[in-house]
All heavy atoms as atom14 arrays in JSON, in Angstrom:
{
  "sequence": "KQRELVARVTKIGTTDYGDSVKGRFTISRDNAK",
  "atom14_mask": [
    [1, 1, 1, 1, 1, 1, 1, 1, 1, 0, 0, 0, 0, 0],
    [1, 1, 1, 1, 1, 1, 1, 1, 1, 0, 0, 0, 0, 0],
    [1, 1, 1, 1, 1, 1, 1, 1, 1, 1, 1, 0, 0, 0],
    [1, 1, 1, 1, 1, 1, 1, 1, 1, 0, 0, 0, 0, 0],
    [1, 1, 1, 1, 1, 1, 1, 1, 0, 0, 0, 0, 0, 0],
    [1, 1, 1, 1, 1, 1, 1, 0, 0, 0, 0, 0, 0, 0],
    [1, 1, 1, 1, 1, 0, 0, 0, 0, 0, 0, 0, 0, 0],
    [1, 1, 1, 1, 1, 1, 1, 1, 1, 1, 1, 0, 0, 0],
    [1, 1, 1, 1, 1, 1, 1, 0, 0, 0, 0, 0, 0, 0],
    [1, 1, 1, 1, 1, 1, 1, 0, 0, 0, 0, 0, 0, 0],
    [1, 1, 1, 1, 1, 1, 1, 1, 1, 0, 0, 0, 0, 0],
    [1, 1, 1, 1, 1, 1, 1, 1, 0, 0, 0, 0, 0, 0],
    [1, 1, 1, 1, 0, 0, 0, 0, 0, 0, 0, 0, 0, 0],
    [1, 1, 1, 1, 1, 1, 1, 0, 0, 0, 0, 0, 0, 0],
    [1, 1, 1, 1, 1, 1, 1, 0, 0, 0, 0, 0, 0, 0],
    [1, 1, 1, 1, 1, 1, 1, 1, 0, 0, 0, 0, 0, 0],
    [1, 1, 1, 1, 1, 1, 1, 1, 1, 1, 1, 1, 0, 0],
    [1, 1, 1, 1, 0, 0, 0, 0, 0, 0, 0, 0, 0, 0],
    [1, 1, 1, 1, 1, 1, 1, 1, 0, 0, 0, 0, 0, 0],
    [1, 1, 1, 1, 1, 1, 0, 0, 0, 0, 0, 0, 0, 0],
    [1, 1, 1, 1, 1, 1, 1, 0, 0, 0, 0, 0, 0, 0],
    [1, 1, 1, 1, 1, 1, 1, 1, 1, 0, 0, 0, 0, 0],
    [1, 1, 1, 1, 0, 0, 0, 0, 0, 0, 0, 0, 0, 0],
    [1, 1, 1, 1, 1, 1, 1, 1, 1, 1, 1, 0, 0, 0],
    [1, 1, 1, 1, 1, 1, 1, 1, 1, 1, 1, 0, 0, 0],
    [1, 1, 1, 1, 1, 1, 1, 0, 0, 0, 0, 0, 0, 0],
    [1, 1, 1, 1, 1, 1, 1, 1, 0, 0, 0, 0, 0, 0],
    [1, 1, 1, 1, 1, 1, 0, 0, 0, 0, 0, 0, 0, 0],
    [1, 1, 1, 1, 1, 1, 1, 1, 1, 1, 1, 0, 0, 0],
    [1, 1, 1, 1, 1, 1, 1, 1, 0, 0, 0, 0, 0, 0],
    [1, 1, 1, 1, 1, 1, 1, 1, 0, 0, 0, 0, 0, 0],
    [1, 1, 1, 1, 1, 0, 0, 0, 0, 0, 0, 0, 0, 0],
    [1, 1, 1, 1, 1, 1, 1, 1, 1, 0, 0, 0, 0, 0]
  ],
  "atom14_positions": [
    [[0.83, -1.2, 0.0], [0.0, 0.0, 0.0], [0.87, 1.25, 0.0], [2.04, 1.21, 0.35], [-0.93, 0.01, 1.21], [-1.96, -1.1, 1.2], [-2.97, -0.93, 2.32], [-4.05, -1.99, 2.26], [-5.05, -1.82, 3.35], [0.0, 0.0, 0.0], [0.0, 0.0, 0.0], [0.0, 0.0, 0.0], [0.0, 0.0, 0.0], [0.0, 0.0, 0.0]],
    [[0.26, 2.36, -0.38], [0.97, 3.63, -0.36], [1.08, 4.16, 1.07], [0.26, 3.85, 1.94], [0.24, 4.65, -1.24], [0.36, 4.37, -2.73], [-0.18, 5.52, -3.56], [-1.03, 6.29, -3.11], [0.32, 5.65, -4.78], [0.0, 0.0, 0.0], [0.0, 0.0, 0.0], [0.0, 0.0, 0.0], [0.0, 0.0, 0.0], [0.0, 0.0, 0.0]],
    [[2.08, 4.96, 1.29], [2.24, 5.62, 2.58], [1.08, 6.6, 2.77], [0.73, 7.33, 1.85], [3.57, 6.35, 2.62], [3.98, 6.86, 3.98], [5.42, 7.35, 3.93], [6.36, 6.26, 3.69], [7.65, 6.43, 3.46], [8.16, 7.64, 3.4], [8.44, 5.39, 3.25], [0.0, 0.0, 0.0], [0.0, 0.0, 0.0], [0.0, 0.0, 0.0]],
    [[0.52, 6.6, 3.97], [-0.61, 7.49, 4.25], [-0.36, 8.27, 5.53], [0.27, 7.78, 6.46], [-1.91, 6.69, 4.39], [-1.94, 5.7, 5.53], [-3.3, 5.09, 5.78], [-4.32, 5.64, 5.3], [-3.36, 4.05, 6.47], [0.0, 0.0, 0.0], [0.0, 0.0, 0.0], [0.0, 0.0, 0.0], [0.0, 0.0, 0.0], [0.0, 0.0, 0.0]],
    [[-0.9, 9.47, 5.56], [-0.81, 10.31, 6.75], [-1.94, 9.91, 7.69], [-3.11, 9.92, 7.29], [-0.94, 11.78, 6.36], [-0.96, 12.8, 7.49], [0.38, 12.83, 8.21], [-1.3, 14.18, 6.95], [0.0, 0.0, 0.0], [0.0, 0.0, 0.0], [0.0, 0.0, 0.0], [0.0, 0.0, 0.0], [0.0, 0.0, 0.0], [0.0, 0.0, 0.0]],
    [[-1.61, 9.58, 8.93], [-2.66, 9.16, 9.86], [-2.98, 10.21, 10.91], [-4.09, 10.23, 11.45], [-2.3, 7.83, 10.57], [-2.22, 6.7, 9.57], [-1.01, 7.94, 11.36], [0.0, 0.0, 0.0], [0.0, 0.0, 0.0], [0.0, 0.0, 0.0], [0.0, 0.0, 0.0], [0.0, 0.0, 0.0], [0.0, 0.0, 0.0], [0.0, 0.0, 0.0]],
    [[-2.02, 11.09, 11.2], [-2.27, 12.12, 12.2], [-1.27, 13.24, 12.01], [-0.14, 12.99, 11.57], [-2.15, 11.57, 13.61], [0.0, 0.0, 0.0], [0.0, 0.0, 0.0], [0.0, 0.0, 0.0], [0.0, 0.0, 0.0], [0.0, 0.0, 0.0], [0.0, 0.0, 0.0], [0.0, 0.0, 0.0], [0.0, 0.0, 0.0], [0.0, 0.0, 0.0]],
    [[-1.66, 14.45, 12.34], [-0.73, 15.57, 12.24], [-1.02, 16.56, 13.38], [-2.12, 16.62, 13.91], [-0.82, 16.27, 10.89], [-2.17, 16.83, 10.55], [-2.19, 17.3, 9.11], [-3.51, 17.75, 8.69], [-3.88, 17.95, 7.45], [-3.01, 17.75, 6.46], [-5.08, 18.37, 7.16], [0.0, 0.0, 0.0], [0.0, 0.0, 0.0], [0.0, 0.0, 0.0]],
    [[0.02, 17.31, 13.71], [-0.08, 18.3, 14.77], [0.67, 19.55, 14.34], [1.78, 19.47, 13.83], [0.46, 17.74, 16.12], [1.9, 17.29, 16.0], [0.26, 18.74, 17.24], [0.0, 0.0, 0.0], [0.0, 0.0, 0.0], [0.0, 0.0, 0.0], [0.0, 0.0, 0.0], [0.0, 0.0, 0.0], [0.0, 0.0, 0.0], [0.0, 0.0, 0.0]],
    [[0.05, 20.71, 14.52], [0.71, 21.95, 14.16], [1.75, 22.32, 15.21], [1.85, 21.68, 16.26], [-0.3, 23.09, 14.03], [-0.83, 23.37, 15.34], [-1.42, 22.74, 13.08], [0.0, 0.0, 0.0], [0.0, 0.0, 0.0], [0.0, 0.0, 0.0], [0.0, 0.0, 0.0], [0.0, 0.0, 0.0], [0.0, 0.0, 0.0], [0.0, 0.0, 0.0]],
    [[2.5, 23.37, 14.95], [3.53, 23.78, 15.89], [2.94, 24.25, 17.21], [3.63, 24.26, 18.23], [4.42, 24.85, 15.29], [3.73, 26.14, 14.91], [4.7, 27.11, 14.27], [4.02, 28.41, 13.88], [4.98, 29.36, 13.25], [0.0, 0.0, 0.0], [0.0, 0.0, 0.0], [0.0, 0.0, 0.0], [0.0, 0.0, 0.0], [0.0, 0.0, 0.0]],
    [[1.66, 24.61, 17.21], [1.04, 25.07, 18.45], [0.13, 24.0, 19.06], [-0.53, 24.25, 20.05], [0.23, 26.36, 18.25], [-0.88, 26.17, 17.23], [1.16, 27.5, 17.85], [-1.85, 27.33, 17.15], [0.0, 0.0, 0.0], [0.0, 0.0, 0.0], [0.0, 0.0, 0.0], [0.0, 0.0, 0.0], [0.0, 0.0, 0.0], [0.0, 0.0, 0.0]],
    [[0.09, 22.81, 18.46], [-0.61, 21.7, 19.09], [-1.98, 21.36, 18.55], [-2.63, 20.46, 19.08], [0.0, 0.0, 0.0], [0.0, 0.0, 0.0], [0.0, 0.0, 0.0], [0.0, 0.0, 0.0], [0.0, 0.0, 0.0], [0.0, 0.0, 0.0], [0.0, 0.0, 0.0], [0.0, 0.0, 0.0], [0.0, 0.0, 0.0], [0.0, 0.0, 0.0]],
    [[-2.41, 22.02, 17.5], [-3.69, 21.66, 16.88], [-3.53, 20.33, 16.16], [-2.57, 20.13, 15.43], [-4.14, 22.74, 15.9], [-4.21, 24.0, 16.59], [-5.5, 22.41, 15.32], [0.0, 0.0, 0.0], [0.0, 0.0, 0.0], [0.0, 0.0, 0.0], [0.0, 0.0, 0.0], [0.0, 0.0, 0.0], [0.0, 0.0, 0.0], [0.0, 0.0, 0.0]],
    [[-4.48, 19.43, 16.37], [-4.34, 18.08, 15.83], [-5.42, 17.74, 14.8], [-6.5, 18.34, 14.78], [-4.4, 17.04, 16.95], [-5.64, 17.18, 17.65], [-3.25, 17.23, 17.93], [0.0, 0.0, 0.0], [0.0, 0.0, 0.0], [0.0, 0.0, 0.0], [0.0, 0.0, 0.0], [0.0, 0.0, 0.0], [0.0, 0.0, 0.0], [0.0, 0.0, 0.0]],
    [[-5.11, 16.76, 13.98], [-6.03, 16.3, 12.94], [-5.72, 14.83, 12.69], [-4.54, 14.43, 12.73], [-5.82, 17.12, 11.66], [-6.87, 16.83, 10.62], [-7.99, 16.43, 10.99], [-6.58, 16.99, 9.41], [0.0, 0.0, 0.0], [0.0, 0.0, 0.0], [0.0, 0.0, 0.0], [0.0, 0.0, 0.0], [0.0, 0.0, 0.0], [0.0, 0.0, 0.0]],
    [[-6.77, 14.03, 12.45], [-6.6, 12.58, 12.33], [-7.31, 12.03, 11.1], [-8.35, 12.55, 10.67], [-7.17, 11.88, 13.57], [-6.48, 12.28, 14.84], [-6.95, 13.33, 15.62], [-5.33, 11.61, 15.27], [-6.31, 13.71, 16.78], [-4.68, 11.98, 16.43], [-5.18, 13.04, 17.18], [-4.53, 13.41, 18.33], [0.0, 0.0, 0.0], [0.0, 0.0, 0.0]],
    [[-6.76, 10.95, 10.58], [-7.45, 10.23, 9.55], [-8.67, 9.51, 10.12], [-8.68, 9.17, 11.31], [0.0, 0.0, 0.0], [0.0, 0.0, 0.0], [0.0, 0.0, 0.0], [0.0, 0.0, 0.0], [0.0, 0.0, 0.0], [0.0, 0.0, 0.0], [0.0, 0.0, 0.0], [0.0, 0.0, 0.0], [0.0, 0.0, 0.0], [0.0, 0.0, 0.0]],
    [[-9.64, 9.27, 9.29], [-10.88, 8.67, 9.77], [-10.65, 7.29, 10.4], [-11.34, 6.91, 11.35], [-11.88, 8.54, 8.62], [-12.45, 9.9, 8.2], [-12.37, 10.86, 9.0], [-12.96, 9.98, 7.07], [0.0, 0.0, 0.0], [0.0, 0.0, 0.0], [0.0, 0.0, 0.0], [0.0, 0.0, 0.0], [0.0, 0.0, 0.0], [0.0, 0.0, 0.0]],
    [[-9.68, 6.57, 9.88], [-9.46, 5.2, 10.35], [-8.88, 5.14, 11.75], [-8.94, 4.08, 12.39], [-8.55, 4.45, 9.38], [-7.29, 5.06, 9.3], [0.0, 0.0, 0.0], [0.0, 0.0, 0.0], [0.0, 0.0, 0.0], [0.0, 0.0, 0.0], [0.0, 0.0, 0.0], [0.0, 0.0, 0.0], [0.0, 0.0, 0.0], [0.0, 0.0, 0.0]],
    [[-8.31, 6.23, 12.23], [-7.68, 6.21, 13.56], [-8.31, 7.19, 14.53], [-7.96, 7.21, 15.71], [-6.16, 6.51, 13.46], [-5.49, 5.57, 12.48], [-5.9, 7.97, 13.09], [0.0, 0.0, 0.0], [0.0, 0.0, 0.0], [0.0, 0.0, 0.0], [0.0, 0.0, 0.0], [0.0, 0.0, 0.0], [0.0, 0.0, 0.0], [0.0, 0.0, 0.0]],
    [[-9.25, 7.98, 14.05], [-9.88, 8.99, 14.9], [-10.54, 8.33, 16.11], [-11.24, 7.33, 15.99], [-10.91, 9.75, 14.08], [-11.31, 11.1, 14.64], [-12.15, 11.87, 13.64], [-11.37, 12.24, 12.4], [-12.16, 13.07, 11.44], [0.0, 0.0, 0.0], [0.0, 0.0, 0.0], [0.0, 0.0, 0.0], [0.0, 0.0, 0.0], [0.0, 0.0, 0.0]],
    [[-10.27, 8.89, 17.27], [-10.82, 8.35, 18.51], [-9.98, 7.27, 19.15], [-10.22, 6.88, 20.29], [0.0, 0.0, 0.0], [0.0, 0.0, 0.0], [0.0, 0.0, 0.0], [0.0, 0.0, 0.0], [0.0, 0.0, 0.0], [0.0, 0.0, 0.0], [0.0, 0.0, 0.0], [0.0, 0.0, 0.0], [0.0, 0.0, 0.0], [0.0, 0.0, 0.0]],
    [[-8.99, 6.77, 18.43], [-8.11, 5.71, 18.96], [-6.67, 6.17, 19.11], [-5.98, 5.73, 20.03], [-8.14, 4.49, 18.04], [-9.51, 3.88, 17.87], [-9.44, 2.56, 17.09], [-8.93, 2.74, 15.73], [-7.83, 2.14, 15.27], [-7.13, 1.33, 16.06], [-7.45, 2.34, 14.02], [0.0, 0.0, 0.0], [0.0, 0.0, 0.0], [0.0, 0.0, 0.0]],
    [[-6.22, 7.03, 18.23], [-4.83, 7.52, 18.24], [-4.81, 8.96, 18.73], [-5.71, 9.75, 18.45], [-4.22, 7.47, 16.84], [-3.94, 6.09, 16.3], [-4.42, 4.95, 16.93], [-3.18, 5.92, 15.15], [-4.16, 3.69, 16.44], [-2.91, 4.67, 14.63], [-3.4, 3.55, 15.27], [0.0, 0.0, 0.0], [0.0, 0.0, 0.0], [0.0, 0.0, 0.0]],
    [[-3.71, 9.31, 19.42], [-3.5, 10.68, 19.86], [-2.07, 11.09, 19.53], [-1.12, 10.45, 19.97], [-3.72, 10.81, 21.37], [-5.05, 10.39, 21.71], [-3.54, 12.27, 21.81], [0.0, 0.0, 0.0], [0.0, 0.0, 0.0], [0.0, 0.0, 0.0], [0.0, 0.0, 0.0], [0.0, 0.0, 0.0], [0.0, 0.0, 0.0], [0.0, 0.0, 0.0]],
    [[-1.95, 12.16, 18.77], [-0.64, 12.69, 18.43], [-0.32, 13.84, 19.37], [-1.2, 14.62, 19.76], [-0.6, 13.15, 16.95], [0.83, 13.52, 16.53], [-1.57, 14.31, 16.7], [0.97, 13.76, 15.02], [0.0, 0.0, 0.0], [0.0, 0.0, 0.0], [0.0, 0.0, 0.0], [0.0, 0.0, 0.0], [0.0, 0.0, 0.0], [0.0, 0.0, 0.0]],
    [[0.95, 13.93, 19.75], [1.38, 15.04, 20.6], [2.85, 15.32, 20.31], [3.52, 14.54, 19.64], [1.17, 14.7, 22.08], [1.93, 13.57, 22.45], [0.0, 0.0, 0.0], [0.0, 0.0, 0.0], [0.0, 0.0, 0.0], [0.0, 0.0, 0.0], [0.0, 0.0, 0.0], [0.0, 0.0, 0.0], [0.0, 0.0, 0.0], [0.0, 0.0, 0.0]],
    [[3.31, 16.42, 20.84], [4.7, 16.81, 20.6], [5.27, 17.51, 21.83], [4.54, 18.15, 22.59], [4.8, 17.73, 19.38], [4.13, 19.06, 19.53], [4.05, 19.79, 18.19], [5.37, 20.06, 17.65], [5.6, 20.37, 16.37], [4.58, 20.45, 15.51], [6.82, 20.61, 15.95], [0.0, 0.0, 0.0], [0.0, 0.0, 0.0], [0.0, 0.0, 0.0]],
    [[6.57, 17.37, 21.99], [7.3, 18.09, 23.04], [8.4, 18.86, 22.32], [9.44, 18.29, 21.97], [7.88, 17.1, 24.05], [8.54, 17.8, 25.23], [8.97, 18.97, 25.07], [8.65, 17.18, 26.29], [0.0, 0.0, 0.0], [0.0, 0.0, 0.0], [0.0, 0.0, 0.0], [0.0, 0.0, 0.0], [0.0, 0.0, 0.0], [0.0, 0.0, 0.0]],
    [[8.15, 20.14, 22.07], [9.11, 20.92, 21.3], [10.43, 21.11, 22.05], [11.49, 21.26, 21.43], [8.51, 22.28, 20.94], [7.42, 22.17, 19.88], [7.39, 21.2, 19.11], [6.52, 23.13, 19.85], [0.0, 0.0, 0.0], [0.0, 0.0, 0.0], [0.0, 0.0, 0.0], [0.0, 0.0, 0.0], [0.0, 0.0, 0.0], [0.0, 0.0, 0.0]],
    [[10.39, 21.1, 23.35], [11.63, 21.25, 24.13], [12.54, 20.05, 23.94], [13.77, 20.17, 24.04], [11.3, 21.43, 25.6], [0.0, 0.0, 0.0], [0.0, 0.0, 0.0], [0.0, 0.0, 0.0], [0.0, 0.0, 0.0], [0.0, 0.0, 0.0], [0.0, 0.0, 0.0], [0.0, 0.0, 0.0], [0.0, 0.0, 0.0], [0.0, 0.0, 0.0]],
    [[11.94, 18.9, 23.66], [12.71, 17.67, 23.45], [12.83, 17.29, 21.97], [13.38, 16.23, 21.66], [12.07, 16.51, 24.22], [12.07, 16.7, 25.73], [11.45, 15.49, 26.43], [11.49, 15.64, 27.93], [10.87, 14.47, 28.62], [0.0, 0.0, 0.0], [0.0, 0.0, 0.0], [0.0, 0.0, 0.0], [0.0, 0.0, 0.0], [0.0, 0.0, 0.0]]
  ]
}
């Protein structure tokens, strides 16, 4: 299969998810690390 985007997060923490993972996956980031 082709590579697909499943979740993304902006530099300020706004998140967006693919339909197949929504409600099950959580993306987050630690910019300090």
